[in-house]
Amino acid sequence: MTTPPPSTPPPSTPVPATPAVAPEPIVPGPLLTGHAALIFLMAAFIGAMVGVLTAFSAGNTAAALLAGLTACGISIPILHKLIH
């Protein structure tokens, strides 16, 4: 009677080593796009002009500040639609 050969595990195929790939660094985008910066600068200019003209005509600083801030705030969506 012959004895069965000892069981051996099947030969394993070597796994090719993958080169270590460094993750790409996360580069944050700009804080404001050029479009948004242009709109905010133009709105600030419009608000400043309205504020200065109101101060010259009314002589009241609080009214000039309120008019300038209002003009700045109202001009932002209008400029966004015009320049887009």
N, C-alpha and C. Protein backbone atom coordinates (compact mmCIF):
# COMPACT_ATOMS: atom_id res chain seq x y z
N MET A 1 0.84 -1.15 0.00
CA MET A 1 0.00 0.00 0.00
C MET A 1 0.89 1.23 0.00
N THR A 2 0.46 2.16 -0.77
CA THR A 2 1.28 3.37 -0.85
C THR A 2 0.66 4.45 0.02
N THR A 3 1.48 5.23 0.57
CA THR A 3 0.99 6.34 1.40
C THR A 3 0.80 7.57 0.53
N PRO A 4 -0.28 8.27 0.77
CA PRO A 4 -0.48 9.48 -0.03
C PRO A 4 0.58 10.52 0.29
N PRO A 5 0.91 11.28 -0.69
CA PRO A 5 1.93 12.32 -0.42
C PRO A 5 1.37 13.35 0.56
N PRO A 6 2.24 13.97 1.31
CA PRO A 6 1.75 14.99 2.25
C PRO A 6 1.10 16.14 1.49
N SER A 7 0.03 16.62 2.07
CA SER A 7 -0.67 17.71 1.38
C SER A 7 0.12 19.00 1.52
N THR A 8 0.36 19.57 0.41
CA THR A 8 1.09 20.84 0.40
C THR A 8 0.17 21.90 -0.18
N PRO A 9 0.25 23.10 0.31
CA PRO A 9 -0.61 24.16 -0.24
C PRO A 9 -0.17 24.46 -1.67
N PRO A 10 -1.12 24.87 -2.47
CA PRO A 10 -0.75 25.20 -3.85
C PRO A 10 0.22 26.37 -3.86
N PRO A 11 1.08 26.38 -4.82
CA PRO A 11 2.05 27.50 -4.84
C PRO A 11 1.32 28.82 -5.04
N SER A 12 1.70 29.77 -4.25
CA SER A 12 1.04 31.09 -4.36
C SER A 12 1.75 31.92 -5.41
N THR A 13 0.95 32.66 -6.12
CA THR A 13 1.54 33.54 -7.13
C THR A 13 1.95 34.84 -6.45
N PRO A 14 3.13 35.29 -6.74
CA PRO A 14 3.56 36.53 -6.07
C PRO A 14 2.73 37.72 -6.55
N VAL A 15 2.34 38.55 -5.63
CA VAL A 15 1.57 39.76 -5.95
C VAL A 15 2.56 40.86 -6.31
N PRO A 16 2.40 41.42 -7.47
CA PRO A 16 3.36 42.49 -7.82
C PRO A 16 3.21 43.68 -6.88
N ALA A 17 4.32 44.21 -6.48
CA ALA A 17 4.31 45.35 -5.56
C ALA A 17 3.88 46.59 -6.32
N THR A 18 2.86 47.26 -5.80
CA THR A 18 2.42 48.50 -6.43
C THR A 18 3.23 49.65 -5.86
N PRO A 19 3.65 50.53 -6.71
CA PRO A 19 4.43 51.66 -6.18
C PRO A 19 3.54 52.54 -5.31
N ALA A 20 4.13 53.04 -4.25
CA ALA A 20 3.37 53.91 -3.34
C ALA A 20 3.14 55.24 -4.04
N VAL A 21 1.89 55.58 -4.20
CA VAL A 21 1.53 56.84 -4.85
C VAL A 21 1.15 57.83 -3.77
N ALA A 22 1.86 58.92 -3.76
CA ALA A 22 1.56 59.96 -2.76
C ALA A 22 0.27 60.65 -3.16
N PRO A 23 -0.63 60.89 -2.22
CA PRO A 23 -1.87 61.59 -2.57
C PRO A 23 -1.56 63.02 -2.97
N GLU A 24 -2.32 63.49 -3.95
CA GLU A 24 -2.12 64.86 -4.40
C GLU A 24 -2.60 65.83 -3.32
N PRO A 25 -1.84 66.88 -3.08
CA PRO A 25 -2.26 67.83 -2.05
C PRO A 25 -3.53 68.56 -2.50
N ILE A 26 -4.36 68.85 -1.54
CA ILE A 26 -5.59 69.57 -1.82
C ILE A 26 -5.28 71.06 -1.89
N VAL A 27 -5.51 71.61 -3.06
CA VAL A 27 -5.25 73.03 -3.26
C VAL A 27 -6.58 73.76 -3.18
N PRO A 28 -6.74 74.63 -2.20
CA PRO A 28 -8.02 75.34 -2.10
C PRO A 28 -8.16 76.33 -3.25
N GLY A 29 -9.38 76.53 -3.64
CA GLY A 29 -9.66 77.49 -4.71
C GLY A 29 -9.59 78.91 -4.17
N PRO A 30 -9.78 79.86 -5.04
CA PRO A 30 -9.73 81.25 -4.58
C PRO A 30 -10.90 81.57 -3.66
N LEU A 31 -10.68 82.51 -2.78
CA LEU A 31 -11.74 82.91 -1.86
C LEU A 31 -12.90 83.55 -2.61
N LEU A 32 -12.58 84.41 -3.55
CA LEU A 32 -13.59 85.04 -4.41
C LEU A 32 -13.17 84.85 -5.86
N THR A 33 -14.14 84.60 -6.70
CA THR A 33 -13.83 84.55 -8.12
C THR A 33 -13.64 85.97 -8.64
N GLY A 34 -13.10 86.08 -9.82
CA GLY A 34 -12.91 87.40 -10.41
C GLY A 34 -14.22 88.10 -10.66
N HIS A 35 -15.23 87.31 -11.02
CA HIS A 35 -16.57 87.87 -11.25
C HIS A 35 -17.14 88.48 -9.98
N ALA A 36 -17.04 87.74 -8.87
CA ALA A 36 -17.57 88.23 -7.60
C ALA A 36 -16.79 89.45 -7.10
N ALA A 37 -15.47 89.42 -7.27
CA ALA A 37 -14.66 90.56 -6.82
C ALA A 37 -15.01 91.82 -7.61
N LEU A 38 -15.22 91.65 -8.91
CA LEU A 38 -15.60 92.81 -9.73
C LEU A 38 -16.95 93.38 -9.30
N ILE A 39 -17.89 92.51 -9.04
CA ILE A 39 -19.22 92.96 -8.62
C ILE A 39 -19.15 93.69 -7.28
N PHE A 40 -18.42 93.14 -6.31
CA PHE A 40 -18.33 93.78 -5.00
C PHE A 40 -17.59 95.12 -5.09
N LEU A 41 -16.55 95.20 -5.90
CA LEU A 41 -15.84 96.48 -6.04
C LEU A 41 -16.72 97.54 -6.69
N MET A 42 -17.45 97.14 -7.73
CA MET A 42 -18.32 98.11 -8.38
C MET A 42 -19.46 98.53 -7.45
N ALA A 43 -20.00 97.60 -6.67
CA ALA A 43 -21.06 97.94 -5.73
C ALA A 43 -20.53 98.88 -4.64
N ALA A 44 -19.31 98.64 -4.17
CA ALA A 44 -18.72 99.54 -3.17
C ALA A 44 -18.50 100.93 -3.75
N PHE A 45 -18.08 100.99 -5.00
CA PHE A 45 -17.89 102.29 -5.65
C PHE A 45 -19.22 103.03 -5.80
N ILE A 46 -20.25 102.32 -6.23
CA ILE A 46 -21.57 102.95 -6.37
C ILE A 46 -22.08 103.43 -5.01
N GLY A 47 -21.92 102.60 -3.97
CA GLY A 47 -22.35 102.99 -2.63
C GLY A 47 -21.59 104.19 -2.11
N ALA A 48 -20.29 104.25 -2.40
CA ALA A 48 -19.49 105.39 -1.95
C ALA A 48 -19.92 106.67 -2.66
N MET A 49 -20.18 106.57 -3.94
CA MET A 49 -20.60 107.75 -4.69
C MET A 49 -21.97 108.26 -4.21
N VAL A 50 -22.89 107.34 -3.99
CA VAL A 50 -24.21 107.75 -3.49
C VAL A 50 -24.08 108.35 -2.09
N GLY A 51 -23.23 107.76 -1.25
CA GLY A 51 -23.03 108.30 0.09
C GLY A 51 -22.41 109.68 0.08
N VAL A 52 -21.42 109.89 -0.78
CA VAL A 52 -20.77 111.21 -0.87
C VAL A 52 -21.75 112.25 -1.41
N LEU A 53 -22.48 111.90 -2.44
CA LEU A 53 -23.44 112.86 -3.00
C LEU A 53 -24.56 113.18 -2.00
N THR A 54 -24.97 112.18 -1.22
CA THR A 54 -25.99 112.43 -0.21
C THR A 54 -25.44 113.31 0.91
N ALA A 55 -24.20 113.08 1.28
CA ALA A 55 -23.59 113.91 2.33
C ALA A 55 -23.47 115.36 1.88
N PHE A 56 -23.12 115.56 0.60
CA PHE A 56 -23.01 116.94 0.10
C PHE A 56 -24.37 117.61 0.01
N SER A 57 -25.39 116.86 -0.37
CA SER A 57 -26.70 117.51 -0.57
C SER A 57 -27.45 117.67 0.75
N ALA A 58 -27.40 116.65 1.63
CA ALA A 58 -28.19 116.71 2.86
C ALA A 58 -27.38 117.24 4.04
N GLY A 59 -26.09 117.01 4.02
CA GLY A 59 -25.26 117.45 5.15
C GLY A 59 -25.43 116.58 6.37
N ASN A 60 -26.10 115.47 6.25
CA ASN A 60 -26.34 114.58 7.38
C ASN A 60 -25.53 113.30 7.17
N THR A 61 -24.61 113.03 8.08
CA THR A 61 -23.72 111.87 7.93
C THR A 61 -24.47 110.56 8.04
N ALA A 62 -25.43 110.47 8.97
CA ALA A 62 -26.18 109.23 9.13
C ALA A 62 -27.01 108.92 7.89
N ALA A 63 -27.62 109.93 7.32
CA ALA A 63 -28.41 109.71 6.10
C ALA A 63 -27.51 109.32 4.93
N ALA A 64 -26.31 109.91 4.87
CA ALA A 64 -25.38 109.57 3.79
C ALA A 64 -24.89 108.13 3.93
N LEU A 65 -24.62 107.71 5.15
CA LEU A 65 -24.18 106.33 5.38
C LEU A 65 -25.28 105.34 5.03
N LEU A 66 -26.48 105.66 5.45
CA LEU A 66 -27.62 104.78 5.16
C LEU A 66 -27.89 104.71 3.66
N ALA A 67 -27.80 105.82 2.96
CA ALA A 67 -28.03 105.83 1.52
C ALA A 67 -26.93 105.07 0.79
N GLY A 68 -25.70 105.23 1.22
CA GLY A 68 -24.58 104.54 0.58
C GLY A 68 -24.64 103.03 0.77
N LEU A 69 -24.95 102.60 1.99
CA LEU A 69 -25.06 101.16 2.24
C LEU A 69 -26.24 100.55 1.50
N THR A 70 -27.33 101.29 1.43
CA THR A 70 -28.49 100.80 0.69
C THR A 70 -28.19 100.68 -0.79
N ALA A 71 -27.52 101.68 -1.35
CA ALA A 71 -27.17 101.63 -2.77
C ALA A 71 -26.20 100.49 -3.05
N CYS A 72 -25.28 100.26 -2.15
CA CYS A 72 -24.33 99.16 -2.31
C CYS A 72 -25.05 97.82 -2.29
N GLY A 73 -25.94 97.63 -1.34
CA GLY A 73 -26.65 96.37 -1.22
C GLY A 73 -27.60 96.11 -2.36
N ILE A 74 -28.25 97.16 -2.85
CA ILE A 74 -29.21 96.98 -3.94
C ILE A 74 -28.48 96.75 -5.27
N SER A 75 -27.30 97.32 -5.42
CA SER A 75 -26.60 97.21 -6.70
C SER A 75 -25.95 95.84 -6.90
N ILE A 76 -25.73 95.07 -5.84
CA ILE A 76 -25.06 93.77 -6.00
C ILE A 76 -25.87 92.81 -6.87
N PRO A 77 -27.15 92.54 -6.59
CA PRO A 77 -27.87 91.61 -7.48
C PRO A 77 -28.08 92.18 -8.89
N ILE A 78 -28.22 93.49 -8.98
CA ILE A 78 -28.40 94.09 -10.30
C ILE A 78 -27.15 93.94 -11.13
N LEU A 79 -25.99 94.22 -10.53
CA LEU A 79 -24.72 94.06 -11.25
C LEU A 79 -24.46 92.59 -11.59
N HIS A 80 -24.87 91.69 -10.71
CA HIS A 80 -24.68 90.27 -10.98
C HIS A 80 -25.45 89.85 -12.23
N LYS A 81 -26.66 90.34 -12.37
CA LYS A 81 -27.45 89.99 -13.56
C LYS A 81 -26.92 90.69 -14.80
N LEU A 82 -26.42 91.92 -14.66
CA LEU A 82 -25.92 92.65 -15.82
C LEU A 82 -24.60 92.10 -16.33
N ILE A 83 -23.70 91.72 -15.44
CA ILE A 83 -22.37 91.31 -15.82
C ILE A 83 -22.30 89.82 -16.13
N HIS A 84 -23.24 89.06 -15.63
CA HIS A 84 -23.21 87.60 -15.83
C HIS A 84 -23.36 87.31 -17.27
